[in-house]
Amino acid sequence: MGLSRRQFTREFKLGALGRVEQGASVAEVARALDIKPKVLYRWREELRRSPAQAFPVRGQPGGSPDRTADLERKIGQQALEIDFLRACLQRIEEERMLQASIGNPRSTPRSRSKAGARS
């Protein structure tokens, strides 16, 4: 499976260049946005050459609808898994607290074998 190039919206590019114009260094902005400084310099040059035609909108912004739907579905599945695991951890913790309060803490197989060897 090949890697696809990231595509940035016109607003994203203008926002990044705006941060540079406000005094932030190109390196800082590039690091914050996880892009190479060379890209910012290219965007700046493109904007200076022809501000009206800079960063034209191509195709459908934000990716294809199928890709977006797939990603949203994955996010939903992961959210369900996270909720399930949180509930499991909460039940385990409640059970530990209950066992500790009645004076019968759960032992691991290792600690049981050591306790049996001492008797």
PDB file of N, CA and C in Angstrom:
ATOM      1  N   MET A   1       0.848  -1.172   0.000  1.00  0.00           N
ATOM      2  CA  MET A   1       0.000   0.000   0.000  1.00  0.00           C
ATOM      3  C   MET A   1       0.891   1.232   0.000  1.00  0.00           C
ATOM      4  N   GLY A   2       0.751   2.104  -0.977  1.00  0.00           N
ATOM      5  CA  GLY A   2       1.595   3.286  -1.088  1.00  0.00           C
ATOM      6  C   GLY A   2       1.122   4.408  -0.191  1.00  0.00           C
ATOM      7  N   LEU A   3       2.045   5.253   0.156  1.00  0.00           N
ATOM      8  CA  LEU A   3       1.707   6.403   0.982  1.00  0.00           C
ATOM      9  C   LEU A   3       1.176   7.515   0.093  1.00  0.00           C
ATOM     10  N   SER A   4       0.130   8.168   0.536  1.00  0.00           N
ATOM     11  CA  SER A   4      -0.407   9.284  -0.234  1.00  0.00           C
ATOM     12  C   SER A   4       0.119  10.584   0.358  1.00  0.00           C
ATOM     13  N   ARG A   5       0.215  11.582  -0.486  1.00  0.00           N
ATOM     14  CA  ARG A   5       0.694  12.877  -0.030  1.00  0.00           C
ATOM     15  C   ARG A   5      -0.390  13.584   0.763  1.00  0.00           C
ATOM     16  N   ARG A   6       0.041  14.286   1.774  1.00  0.00           N
ATOM     17  CA  ARG A   6      -0.924  15.062   2.553  1.00  0.00           C
ATOM     18  C   ARG A   6      -1.337  16.278   1.738  1.00  0.00           C
ATOM     19  N   GLN A   7      -2.583  16.648   1.859  1.00  0.00           N
ATOM     20  CA  GLN A   7      -3.089  17.830   1.179  1.00  0.00           C
ATOM     21  C   GLN A   7      -3.597  18.793   2.239  1.00  0.00           C
ATOM     22  N   PHE A   8      -3.237  20.054   2.071  1.00  0.00           N
ATOM     23  CA  PHE A   8      -3.621  21.065   3.034  1.00  0.00           C
ATOM     24  C   PHE A   8      -4.582  22.049   2.392  1.00  0.00           C
ATOM     25  N   THR A   9      -5.535  22.507   3.175  1.00  0.00           N
ATOM     26  CA  THR A   9      -6.513  23.464   2.664  1.00  0.00           C
ATOM     27  C   THR A   9      -5.874  24.838   2.530  1.00  0.00           C
ATOM     28  N   ARG A  10      -6.527  25.662   1.769  1.00  0.00           N
ATOM     29  CA  ARG A  10      -6.062  27.046   1.593  1.00  0.00           C
ATOM     30  C   ARG A  10      -6.016  27.756   2.949  1.00  0.00           C
ATOM     31  N   GLU A  11      -7.023  27.523   3.776  1.00  0.00           N
ATOM     32  CA  GLU A  11      -7.091  28.162   5.089  1.00  0.00           C
ATOM     33  C   GLU A  11      -5.921  27.725   5.966  1.00  0.00           C
ATOM     34  N   PHE A  12      -5.570  26.453   5.900  1.00  0.00           N
ATOM     35  CA  PHE A  12      -4.444  25.935   6.677  1.00  0.00           C
ATOM     36  C   PHE A  12      -3.152  26.632   6.264  1.00  0.00           C
ATOM     37  N   LYS A  13      -2.930  26.716   4.953  1.00  0.00           N
ATOM     38  CA  LYS A  13      -1.714  27.340   4.435  1.00  0.00           C
ATOM     39  C   LYS A  13      -1.655  28.820   4.811  1.00  0.00           C
ATOM     40  N   LEU A  14      -2.771  29.518   4.652  1.00  0.00           N
ATOM     41  CA  LEU A  14      -2.793  30.936   5.009  1.00  0.00           C
ATOM     42  C   LEU A  14      -2.589  31.135   6.509  1.00  0.00           C
ATOM     43  N   GLY A  15      -3.153  30.242   7.303  1.00  0.00           N
ATOM     44  CA  GLY A  15      -2.969  30.319   8.756  1.00  0.00           C
ATOM     45  C   GLY A  15      -1.519  30.110   9.153  1.00  0.00           C
ATOM     46  N   ALA A  16      -0.872  29.140   8.519  1.00  0.00           N
ATOM     47  CA  ALA A  16       0.543  28.874   8.803  1.00  0.00           C
ATOM     48  C   ALA A  16       1.389  30.072   8.417  1.00  0.00           C
ATOM     49  N   LEU A  17       1.128  30.627   7.251  1.00  0.00           N
ATOM     50  CA  LEU A  17       1.892  31.794   6.810  1.00  0.00           C
ATOM     51  C   LEU A  17       1.584  33.015   7.671  1.00  0.00           C
ATOM     52  N   GLY A  18       0.362  33.096   8.162  1.00  0.00           N
ATOM     53  CA  GLY A  18       0.002  34.189   9.065  1.00  0.00           C
ATOM     54  C   GLY A  18       0.795  34.134  10.359  1.00  0.00           C
ATOM     55  N   ARG A  19       1.011  32.930  10.879  1.00  0.00           N
ATOM     56  CA  ARG A  19       1.808  32.776  12.102  1.00  0.00           C
ATOM     57  C   ARG A  19       3.249  33.242  11.862  1.00  0.00           C
ATOM     58  N   VAL A  20       3.767  32.941  10.660  1.00  0.00           N
ATOM     59  CA  VAL A  20       5.127  33.377  10.326  1.00  0.00           C
ATOM     60  C   VAL A  20       5.162  34.900  10.231  1.00  0.00           C
ATOM     61  N   GLU A  21       4.147  35.487   9.612  1.00  0.00           N
ATOM     62  CA  GLU A  21       4.094  36.940   9.465  1.00  0.00           C
ATOM     63  C   GLU A  21       3.951  37.641  10.814  1.00  0.00           C
ATOM     64  N   GLN A  22       3.340  36.976  11.793  1.00  0.00           N
ATOM     65  CA  GLN A  22       3.153  37.560  13.121  1.00  0.00           C
ATOM     66  C   GLN A  22       4.424  37.503  13.958  1.00  0.00           C
ATOM     67  N   GLY A  23       5.469  36.874  13.433  1.00  0.00           N
ATOM     68  CA  GLY A  23       6.736  36.888  14.149  1.00  0.00           C
ATOM     69  C   GLY A  23       7.280  35.529  14.554  1.00  0.00           C
ATOM     70  N   ALA A  24       6.511  34.486  14.401  1.00  0.00           N
ATOM     71  CA  ALA A  24       7.015  33.148  14.720  1.00  0.00           C
ATOM     72  C   ALA A  24       8.017  32.733  13.651  1.00  0.00           C
ATOM     73  N   SER A  25       9.022  32.001  14.047  1.00  0.00           N
ATOM     74  CA  SER A  25      10.015  31.574  13.057  1.00  0.00           C
ATOM     75  C   SER A  25       9.437  30.454  12.193  1.00  0.00           C
ATOM     76  N   VAL A  26       9.976  30.348  10.998  1.00  0.00           N
ATOM     77  CA  VAL A  26       9.538  29.300  10.080  1.00  0.00           C
ATOM     78  C   VAL A  26       9.762  27.934  10.713  1.00  0.00           C
ATOM     79  N   ALA A  27      10.878  27.764  11.393  1.00  0.00           N
ATOM     80  CA  ALA A  27      11.189  26.477  12.024  1.00  0.00           C
ATOM     81  C   ALA A  27      10.165  26.133  13.104  1.00  0.00           C
ATOM     82  N   GLU A  28       9.765  27.111  13.913  1.00  0.00           N
ATOM     83  CA  GLU A  28       8.781  26.870  14.972  1.00  0.00           C
ATOM     84  C   GLU A  28       7.431  26.455  14.383  1.00  0.00           C
ATOM     85  N   VAL A  29       6.997  27.201  13.388  1.00  0.00           N
ATOM     86  CA  VAL A  29       5.699  26.908  12.768  1.00  0.00           C
ATOM     87  C   VAL A  29       5.734  25.537  12.099  1.00  0.00           C
ATOM     88  N   ALA A  30       6.814  25.261  11.396  1.00  0.00           N
ATOM     89  CA  ALA A  30       6.936  23.968  10.717  1.00  0.00           C
ATOM     90  C   ALA A  30       6.900  22.829  11.722  1.00  0.00           C
ATOM     91  N   ARG A  31       7.598  22.991  12.828  1.00  0.00           N
ATOM     92  CA  ARG A  31       7.628  21.949  13.861  1.00  0.00           C
ATOM     93  C   ARG A  31       6.235  21.766  14.476  1.00  0.00           C
ATOM     94  N   ALA A  32       5.558  22.866  14.750  1.00  0.00           N
ATOM     95  CA  ALA A  32       4.226  22.807  15.361  1.00  0.00           C
ATOM     96  C   ALA A  32       3.208  22.148  14.436  1.00  0.00           C
ATOM     97  N   LEU A  33       3.364  22.362  13.134  1.00  0.00           N
ATOM     98  CA  LEU A  33       2.399  21.824  12.170  1.00  0.00           C
ATOM     99  C   LEU A  33       2.850  20.503  11.554  1.00  0.00           C
ATOM    100  N   ASP A  34       4.007  20.033  11.964  1.00  0.00           N
ATOM    101  CA  ASP A  34       4.554  18.766  11.471  1.00  0.00           C
ATOM    102  C   ASP A  34       4.721  18.778   9.950  1.00  0.00           C
ATOM    103  N   ILE A  35       5.342  19.849   9.474  1.00  0.00           N
ATOM    104  CA  ILE A  35       5.682  19.966   8.056  1.00  0.00           C
ATOM    105  C   ILE A  35       7.128  20.443   7.962  1.00  0.00           C
ATOM    106  N   LYS A  36       7.702  20.343   6.788  1.00  0.00           N
ATOM    107  CA  LYS A  36       9.088  20.779   6.596  1.00  0.00           C
ATOM    108  C   LYS A  36       9.126  22.285   6.352  1.00  0.00           C
ATOM    109  N   PRO A  37      10.160  22.956   6.861  1.00  0.00           N
ATOM    110  CA  PRO A  37      10.273  24.401   6.630  1.00  0.00           C
ATOM    111  C   PRO A  37      10.284  24.751   5.147  1.00  0.00           C
ATOM    112  N   LYS A  38      10.861  23.872   4.335  1.00  0.00           N
ATOM    113  CA  LYS A  38      10.914  24.098   2.893  1.00  0.00           C
ATOM    114  C   LYS A  38       9.507  24.286   2.309  1.00  0.00           C
ATOM    115  N   VAL A  39       8.534  23.572   2.868  1.00  0.00           N
ATOM    116  CA  VAL A  39       7.149  23.682   2.402  1.00  0.00           C
ATOM    117  C   VAL A  39       6.608  25.077   2.699  1.00  0.00           C
ATOM    118  N   LEU A  40       6.906  25.582   3.893  1.00  0.00           N
ATOM    119  CA  LEU A  40       6.445  26.931   4.235  1.00  0.00           C
ATOM    120  C   LEU A  40       7.062  27.987   3.317  1.00  0.00           C
ATOM    121  N   TYR A  41       8.343  27.827   3.029  1.00  0.00           N
ATOM    122  CA  TYR A  41       8.993  28.776   2.120  1.00  0.00           C
ATOM    123  C   TYR A  41       8.344  28.725   0.729  1.00  0.00           C
ATOM    124  N   ARG A  42       7.998  27.515   0.267  1.00  0.00           N
ATOM    125  CA  ARG A  42       7.360  27.361  -1.041  1.00  0.00           C
ATOM    126  C   ARG A  42       5.980  28.019  -1.030  1.00  0.00           C
ATOM    127  N   TRP A  43       5.210  27.804   0.049  1.00  0.00           N
ATOM    128  CA  TRP A  43       3.895  28.419   0.145  1.00  0.00           C
ATOM    129  C   TRP A  43       4.008  29.939   0.160  1.00  0.00           C
ATOM    130  N   ARG A  44       4.979  30.448   0.905  1.00  0.00           N
ATOM    131  CA  ARG A  44       5.165  31.900   0.994  1.00  0.00           C
ATOM    132  C   ARG A  44       5.496  32.490  -0.378  1.00  0.00           C
ATOM    133  N   GLU A  45       6.373  31.810  -1.102  1.00  0.00           N
ATOM    134  CA  GLU A  45       6.746  32.274  -2.437  1.00  0.00           C
ATOM    135  C   GLU A  45       5.550  32.228  -3.384  1.00  0.00           C
ATOM    136  N   GLU A  46       4.761  31.179  -3.304  1.00  0.00           N
ATOM    137  CA  GLU A  46       3.573  31.054  -4.159  1.00  0.00           C
ATOM    138  C   GLU A  46       2.587  32.177  -3.864  1.00  0.00           C
ATOM    139  N   LEU A  47       2.422  32.509  -2.595  1.00  0.00           N
ATOM    140  CA  LEU A  47       1.505  33.574  -2.207  1.00  0.00           C
ATOM    141  C   LEU A  47       2.023  34.932  -2.669  1.00  0.00           C
ATOM    142  N   ARG A  48       3.327  35.155  -2.615  1.00  0.00           N
ATOM    143  CA  ARG A  48       3.906  36.427  -3.053  1.00  0.00           C
ATOM    144  C   ARG A  48       3.803  36.609  -4.572  1.00  0.00           C
ATOM    145  N   ARG A  49       3.961  35.517  -5.328  1.00  0.00           N
ATOM    146  CA  ARG A  49       3.915  35.610  -6.791  1.00  0.00           C
ATOM    147  C   ARG A  49       2.537  35.964  -7.292  1.00  0.00           C
ATOM    148  N   SER A  50       1.522  35.272  -6.771  1.00  0.00           N
ATOM    149  CA  SER A  50       0.160  35.547  -7.250  1.00  0.00           C
ATOM    150  C   SER A  50      -0.832  35.278  -6.123  1.00  0.00           C
ATOM    151  N   PRO A  51      -1.098  36.307  -5.328  1.00  0.00           N
ATOM    152  CA  PRO A  51      -1.982  36.117  -4.175  1.00  0.00           C
ATOM    153  C   PRO A  51      -3.386  35.631  -4.548  1.00  0.00           C
ATOM    154  N   ALA A  52      -3.921  36.079  -5.667  1.00  0.00           N
ATOM    155  CA  ALA A  52      -5.282  35.696  -6.046  1.00  0.00           C
ATOM    156  C   ALA A  52      -5.367  34.232  -6.470  1.00  0.00           C
ATOM    157  N   GLN A  53      -4.330  33.735  -7.153  1.00  0.00           N
ATOM    158  CA  GLN A  53      -4.360  32.362  -7.647  1.00  0.00           C
ATOM    159  C   GLN A  53      -3.639  31.382  -6.718  1.00  0.00           C
ATOM    160  N   ALA A  54      -3.101  31.853  -5.621  1.00  0.00           N
ATOM    161  CA  ALA A  54      -2.355  30.966  -4.719  1.00  0.00           C
ATOM    162  C   ALA A  54      -3.293  29.970  -4.053  1.00  0.00           C
ATOM    163  N   PHE A  55      -2.846  28.754  -3.953  1.00  0.00           N
ATOM    164  CA  PHE A  55      -3.546  27.671  -3.266  1.00  0.00           C
ATOM    165  C   PHE A  55      -4.959  27.432  -3.786  1.00  0.00           C
ATOM    166  N   PRO A  56      -5.107  27.096  -5.053  1.00  0.00           N
ATOM    167  CA  PRO A  56      -6.451  26.824  -5.579  1.00  0.00           C
ATOM    168  C   PRO A  56      -7.029  25.556  -4.945  1.00  0.00           C
ATOM    169  N   VAL A  57      -8.334  25.542  -4.842  1.00  0.00           N
ATOM    170  CA  VAL A  57      -9.019  24.370  -4.294  1.00  0.00           C
ATOM    171  C   VAL A  57      -9.134  23.342  -5.399  1.00  0.00           C
ATOM    172  N   ARG A  58      -8.624  22.157  -5.148  1.00  0.00           N
ATOM    173  CA  ARG A  58      -8.669  21.088  -6.149  1.00  0.00           C
ATOM    174  C   ARG A  58      -9.516  19.940  -5.632  1.00  0.00           C
ATOM    175  N   GLY A  59     -10.389  19.454  -6.486  1.00  0.00           N
ATOM    176  CA  GLY A  59     -11.178  18.282  -6.123  1.00  0.00           C
ATOM    177  C   GLY A  59     -12.057  18.545  -4.919  1.00  0.00           C
ATOM    178  N   GLN A  60     -12.299  17.496  -4.175  1.00  0.00           N
ATOM    179  CA  GLN A  60     -13.145  17.597  -2.999  1.00  0.00           C
ATOM    180  C   GLN A  60     -12.281  17.828  -1.770  1.00  0.00           C
ATOM    181  N   PRO A  61     -12.501  18.902  -1.037  1.00  0.00           N
ATOM    182  CA  PRO A  61     -11.679  19.163   0.139  1.00  0.00           C
ATOM    183  C   PRO A  61     -11.931  18.123   1.234  1.00  0.00           C
ATOM    184  N   GLY A  62     -10.880  17.792   1.947  1.00  0.00           N
ATOM    185  CA  GLY A  62     -11.021  16.891   3.084  1.00  0.00           C
ATOM    186  C   GLY A  62     -11.027  15.425   2.727  1.00  0.00           C
ATOM    187  N   GLY A  63     -10.703  15.072   1.518  1.00  0.00           N
ATOM    188  CA  GLY A  63     -10.662  13.662   1.161  1.00  0.00           C
ATOM    189  C   GLY A  63     -11.988  13.187   0.605  1.00  0.00           C
ATOM    190  N   SER A  64     -11.981  11.954   0.170  1.00  0.00           N
ATOM    191  CA  SER A  64     -13.193  11.402  -0.424  1.00  0.00           C
ATOM    192  C   SER A  64     -14.220  11.073   0.656  1.00  0.00           C
ATOM    193  N   PRO A  65     -15.505  11.079   0.299  1.00  0.00           N
ATOM    194  CA  PRO A  65     -16.533  10.762   1.292  1.00  0.00           C
ATOM    195  C   PRO A  65     -16.395   9.334   1.833  1.00  0.00           C
ATOM    196  N   ASP A  66     -15.966   8.399   0.965  1.00  0.00           N
ATOM    197  CA  ASP A  66     -15.793   7.026   1.425  1.00  0.00           C
ATOM    198  C   ASP A  66     -14.715   6.947   2.487  1.00  0.00           C
ATOM    199  N   ARG A  67     -13.611   7.613   2.257  1.00  0.00           N
ATOM    200  CA  ARG A  67     -12.498   7.608   3.216  1.00  0.00           C
ATOM    201  C   ARG A  67     -12.936   8.239   4.531  1.00  0.00           C
ATOM    202  N   THR A  68     -13.664   9.348   4.443  1.00  0.00           N
ATOM    203  CA  THR A  68     -14.143  10.020   5.641  1.00  0.00           C
ATOM    204  C   THR A  68     -15.086   9.111   6.422  1.00  0.00           C
ATOM    205  N   ALA A  69     -15.980   8.440   5.728  1.00  0.00           N
ATOM    206  CA  ALA A  69     -16.912   7.532   6.397  1.00  0.00           C
ATOM    207  C   ALA A  69     -16.171   6.379   7.066  1.00  0.00           C
ATOM    208  N   ASP A  70     -15.153   5.838   6.382  1.00  0.00           N
ATOM    209  CA  ASP A  70     -14.365   4.759   6.976  1.00  0.00           C
ATOM    210  C   ASP A  70     -13.667   5.223   8.246  1.00  0.00           C
ATOM    211  N   LEU A  71     -13.086   6.399   8.192  1.00  0.00           N
ATOM    212  CA  LEU A  71     -12.375   6.915   9.370  1.00  0.00           C
ATOM    213  C   LEU A  71     -13.339   7.192  10.522  1.00  0.00           C
ATOM    214  N   GLU A  72     -14.510   7.727  10.202  1.00  0.00           N
ATOM    215  CA  GLU A  72     -15.495   7.973  11.257  1.00  0.00           C
ATOM    216  C   GLU A  72     -15.971   6.659  11.871  1.00  0.00           C
ATOM    217  N   ARG A  73     -16.128   5.640  11.050  1.00  0.00           N
ATOM    218  CA  ARG A  73     -16.533   4.325  11.548  1.00  0.00           C
ATOM    219  C   ARG A  73     -15.451   3.755  12.482  1.00  0.00           C
ATOM    220  N   LYS A  74     -14.192   3.900  12.086  1.00  0.00           N
ATOM    221  CA  LYS A  74     -13.096   3.420  12.936  1.00  0.00           C
ATOM    222  C   LYS A  74     -13.059   4.165  14.259  1.00  0.00           C
ATOM    223  N   ILE A  75     -13.275   5.470  14.211  1.00  0.00           N
ATOM    224  CA  ILE A  75     -13.288   6.255  15.440  1.00  0.00           C
ATOM    225  C   ILE A  75     -14.402   5.764  16.362  1.00  0.00           C
ATOM    226  N   GLY A  76     -15.557   5.501  15.792  1.00  0.00           N
ATOM    227  CA  GLY A  76     -16.673   4.994  16.589  1.00  0.00           C
ATOM    228  C   GLY A  76     -16.361   3.643  17.215  1.00  0.00           C
ATOM    229  N   GLN A  77     -15.752   2.747  16.442  1.00  0.00           N
ATOM    230  CA  GLN A  77     -15.384   1.438  16.977  1.00  0.00           C
ATOM    231  C   GLN A  77     -14.370   1.572  18.099  1.00  0.00           C
ATOM    232  N   GLN A  78     -13.384   2.427  17.912  1.00  0.00           N
ATOM    233  CA  GLN A  78     -12.373   2.606  18.946  1.00  0.00           C
ATOM    234  C   GLN A  78     -12.967   3.234  20.200  1.00  0.00           C
ATOM    235  N   ALA A  79     -13.905   4.133  20.033  1.00  0.00           N
ATOM    236  CA  ALA A  79     -14.565   4.737  21.191  1.00  0.00           C
ATOM    237  C   ALA A  79     -15.324   3.673  21.974  1.00  0.00           C
ATOM    238  N   LEU A  80     -16.007   2.764  21.271  1.00  0.00           N
ATOM    239  CA  LEU A  80     -16.707   1.673  21.951  1.00  0.00           C
ATOM    240  C   LEU A  80     -15.733   0.766  22.690  1.00  0.00           C
ATOM    241  N   GLU A  81     -14.611   0.443  22.051  1.00  0.00           N
ATOM    242  CA  GLU A  81     -13.615  -0.408  22.693  1.00  0.00           C
ATOM    243  C   GLU A  81     -13.042   0.262  23.944  1.00  0.00           C
ATOM    244  N   ILE A  82     -12.775   1.537  23.852  1.00  0.00           N
ATOM    245  CA  ILE A  82     -12.239   2.268  25.003  1.00  0.00           C
ATOM    246  C   ILE A  82     -13.247   2.257  26.145  1.00  0.00           C
ATOM    247  N   ASP A  83     -14.518   2.514  25.835  1.00  0.00           N
ATOM    248  CA  ASP A  83     -15.552   2.490  26.873  1.00  0.00           C
ATOM    249  C   ASP A  83     -15.650   1.115  27.519  1.00  0.00           C
ATOM    250  N   PHE A  84     -15.588   0.062  26.707  1.00  0.00           N
ATOM    251  CA  PHE A  84     -15.655  -1.298  27.225  1.00  0.00           C
ATOM    252  C   PHE A  84     -14.479  -1.582  28.162  1.00  0.00           C
ATOM    253  N   LEU A  85     -13.285  -1.214  27.739  1.00  0.00           N
ATOM    254  CA  LEU A  85     -12.099  -1.468  28.559  1.00  0.00           C
ATOM    255  C   LEU A  85     -12.115  -0.648  29.845  1.00  0.00           C
ATOM    256  N   ARG A  86     -12.615   0.569  29.772  1.00  0.00           N
ATOM    257  CA  ARG A  86     -12.739   1.380  31.001  1.00  0.00           C
ATOM    258  C   ARG A  86     -13.688   0.717  31.981  1.00  0.00           C
ATOM    259  N   ALA A  87     -14.811   0.208  31.474  1.00  0.00           N
ATOM    260  CA  ALA A  87     -15.775  -0.469  32.343  1.00  0.00           C
ATOM    261  C   ALA A  87     -15.150  -1.717  32.967  1.00  0.00           C
ATOM    262  N   CYS A  88     -14.371  -2.468  32.184  1.00  0.00           N
ATOM    263  CA  CYS A  88     -13.700  -3.659  32.719  1.00  0.00           C
ATOM    264  C   CYS A  88     -12.727  -3.280  33.826  1.00  0.00           C
ATOM    265  N   LEU A  89     -11.937  -2.246  33.589  1.00  0.00           N
ATOM    266  CA  LEU A  89     -10.986  -1.803  34.605  1.00  0.00           C
ATOM    267  C   LEU A  89     -11.695  -1.328  35.864  1.00  0.00           C
ATOM    268  N   GLN A  90     -12.808  -0.658  35.691  1.00  0.00           N
ATOM    269  CA  GLN A  90     -13.563  -0.182  36.844  1.00  0.00           C
ATOM    270  C   GLN A  90     -14.095  -1.365  37.656  1.00  0.00           C
ATOM    271  N   ARG A  91     -14.617  -2.398  36.978  1.00  0.00           N
ATOM    272  CA  ARG A  91     -15.106  -3.581  37.690  1.00  0.00           C
ATOM    273  C   ARG A  91     -13.978  -4.285  38.433  1.00  0.00           C
ATOM    274  N   ILE A  92     -12.824  -4.387  37.806  1.00  0.00           N
ATOM    275  CA  ILE A  92     -11.683  -5.027  38.448  1.00  0.00           C
ATOM    276  C   ILE A  92     -11.274  -4.248  39.695  1.00  0.00           C
ATOM    277  N   GLU A  93     -11.217  -2.947  39.581  1.00  0.00           N
ATOM    278  CA  GLU A  93     -10.839  -2.114  40.722  1.00  0.00           C
ATOM    279  C   GLU A  93     -11.866  -2.233  41.844  1.00  0.00           C
ATOM    280  N   GLU A  94     -13.145  -2.238  41.498  1.00  0.00           N
ATOM    281  CA  GLU A  94     -14.189  -2.388  42.515  1.00  0.00           C
ATOM    282  C   GLU A  94     -14.062  -3.737  43.216  1.00  0.00           C
ATOM    283  N   GLU A  95     -13.777  -4.771  42.443  1.00  0.00           N
ATOM    284  CA  GLU A  95     -13.616  -6.103  43.034  1.00  0.00           C
ATOM    285  C   GLU A  95     -12.405  -6.135  43.963  1.00  0.00           C
ATOM    286  N   ARG A  96     -11.324  -5.516  43.580  1.00  0.00           N
ATOM    287  CA  ARG A  96     -10.134  -5.446  44.440  1.00  0.00           C
ATOM    288  C   ARG A  96     -10.454  -4.731  45.742  1.00  0.00           C
ATOM    289  N   MET A  97     -11.158  -3.609  45.624  1.00  0.00           N
ATOM    290  CA  MET A  97     -11.515  -2.843  46.829  1.00  0.00           C
ATOM    291  C   MET A  97     -12.410  -3.680  47.744  1.00  0.00           C
ATOM    292  N   LEU A  98     -13.358  -4.401  47.171  1.00  0.00           N
ATOM    293  CA  LEU A  98     -14.245  -5.247  47.965  1.00  0.00           C
ATOM    294  C   LEU A  98     -13.458  -6.350  48.653  1.00  0.00           C
ATOM    295  N   GLN A  99     -12.590  -7.018  47.942  1.00  0.00           N
ATOM    296  CA  GLN A  99     -11.785  -8.089  48.517  1.00  0.00           C
ATOM    297  C   GLN A  99     -10.884  -7.554  49.630  1.00  0.00           C
ATOM    298  N   ALA A 100     -10.307  -6.375  49.425  1.00  0.00           N
ATOM    299  CA  ALA A 100      -9.430  -5.782  50.436  1.00  0.00           C
ATOM    300  C   ALA A 100     -10.218  -5.377  51.673  1.00  0.00           C
ATOM    301  N   SER A 101     -11.451  -4.908  51.490  1.00  0.00           N
ATOM    302  CA  SER A 101     -12.247  -4.464  52.632  1.00  0.00           C
ATOM    303  C   SER A 101     -12.727  -5.625  53.489  1.00  0.00           C
ATOM    304  N   ILE A 102     -12.905  -6.805  52.906  1.00  0.00           N
ATOM    305  CA  ILE A 102     -13.335  -7.960  53.718  1.00  0.00           C
ATOM    306  C   ILE A 102     -12.145  -8.775  54.204  1.00  0.00           C
ATOM    307  N   GLY A 103     -10.940  -8.279  53.935  1.00  0.00           N
ATOM    308  CA  GLY A 103      -9.747  -8.924  54.449  1.00  0.00           C
ATOM    309  C   GLY A 103      -9.323 -10.149  53.676  1.00  0.00           C
ATOM    310  N   ASN A 104      -9.725 -10.250  52.449  1.00  0.00           N
ATOM    311  CA  ASN A 104      -9.372 -11.399  51.627  1.00  0.00           C
ATOM    312  C   ASN A 104      -8.778 -10.907  50.316  1.00  0.00           C
ATOM    313  N   PRO A 105      -7.599 -10.279  50.421  1.00  0.00           N
ATOM    314  CA  PRO A 105      -7.014  -9.771  49.172  1.00  0.00           C
ATOM    315  C   PRO A 105      -6.648 -10.898  48.238  1.00  0.00           C
ATOM    316  N   ARG A 106      -6.838 -10.652  46.985  1.00  0.00           N
ATOM    317  CA  ARG A 106      -6.507 -11.667  45.990  1.00  0.00           C
ATOM    318  C   ARG A 106      -5.005 -11.856  45.935  1.00  0.00           C
ATOM    319  N   SER A 107      -4.580 -13.083  45.770  1.00  0.00           N
ATOM    320  CA  SER A 107      -3.160 -13.385  45.660  1.00  0.00           C
ATOM    321  C   SER A 107      -2.851 -13.805  44.245  1.00  0.00           C
ATOM    322  N   THR A 108      -1.622 -13.598  43.884  1.00  0.00           N
ATOM    323  CA  THR A 108      -1.173 -14.104  42.599  1.00  0.00           C
ATOM    324  C   THR A 108      -0.693 -15.523  42.814  1.00  0.00           C
ATOM    325  N   PRO A 109      -0.611 -16.323  41.760  1.00  0.00           N
ATOM    326  CA  PRO A 109      -0.139 -17.704  41.940  1.00  0.00           C
ATOM    327  C   PRO A 109       1.236 -17.757  42.598  1.00  0.00           C
ATOM    328  N   ARG A 110       2.091 -16.826  42.319  1.00  0.00           N
ATOM    329  CA  ARG A 110       3.428 -16.804  42.889  1.00  0.00           C
ATOM    330  C   ARG A 110       3.365 -16.580  44.403  1.00  0.00           C
ATOM    331  N   SER A 111       2.558 -15.600  44.841  1.00  0.00           N
ATOM    332  CA  SER A 111       2.512 -15.313  46.258  1.00  0.00           C
ATOM    333  C   SER A 111       1.848 -16.444  47.020  1.00  0.00           C
ATOM    334  N   ARG A 112       0.867 -17.136  46.403  1.00  0.00           N
ATOM    335  CA  ARG A 112       0.244 -18.271  47.064  1.00  0.00           C
ATOM    336  C   ARG A 112       1.248 -19.399  47.274  1.00  0.00           C
ATOM    337  N   SER A 113       2.087 -19.630  46.292  1.00  0.00           N
ATOM    338  CA  SER A 113       3.043 -20.736  46.426  1.00  0.00           C
ATOM    339  C   SER A 113       4.075 -20.417  47.492  1.00  0.00           C
ATOM    340  N   LYS A 114       4.459 -19.152  47.623  1.00  0.00           N
ATOM    341  CA  LYS A 114       5.405 -18.771  48.675  1.00  0.00           C
ATOM    342  C   LYS A 114       4.748 -18.896  50.043  1.00  0.00           C
ATOM    343  N   ALA A 115       3.495 -18.484  50.136  1.00  0.00           N
ATOM    344  CA  ALA A 115       2.788 -18.560  51.419  1.00  0.00           C
ATOM    345  C   ALA A 115       2.629 -20.010  51.836  1.00  0.00           C
ATOM    346  N   GLY A 116       2.362 -20.897  50.898  1.00  0.00           N
ATOM    347  CA  GLY A 116       2.217 -22.315  51.196  1.00  0.00           C
ATOM    348  C   GLY A 116       3.530 -22.944  51.599  1.00  0.00           C
ATOM    349  N   ALA A 117       4.626 -22.454  51.053  1.00  0.00           N
ATOM    350  CA  ALA A 117       5.945 -23.015  51.362  1.00  0.00           C
ATOM    351  C   ALA A 117       6.386 -22.612  52.755  1.00  0.00           C
ATOM    352  N   ARG A 118       5.921 -21.492  53.252  1.00  0.00           N
ATOM    353  CA  ARG A 118       6.312 -21.036  54.584  1.00  0.00           C
ATOM    354  C   ARG A 118       5.604 -21.823  55.677  1.00  0.00           C
ATOM    355  N   SER A 119       4.422 -22.306  55.434  1.00  0.00           N
ATOM    356  CA  SER A 119       3.628 -22.992  56.474  1.00  0.00           C
ATOM    357  C   SER A 119       4.163 -24.334  56.812  1.00  0.00           C
TER     358      SER A 119
END
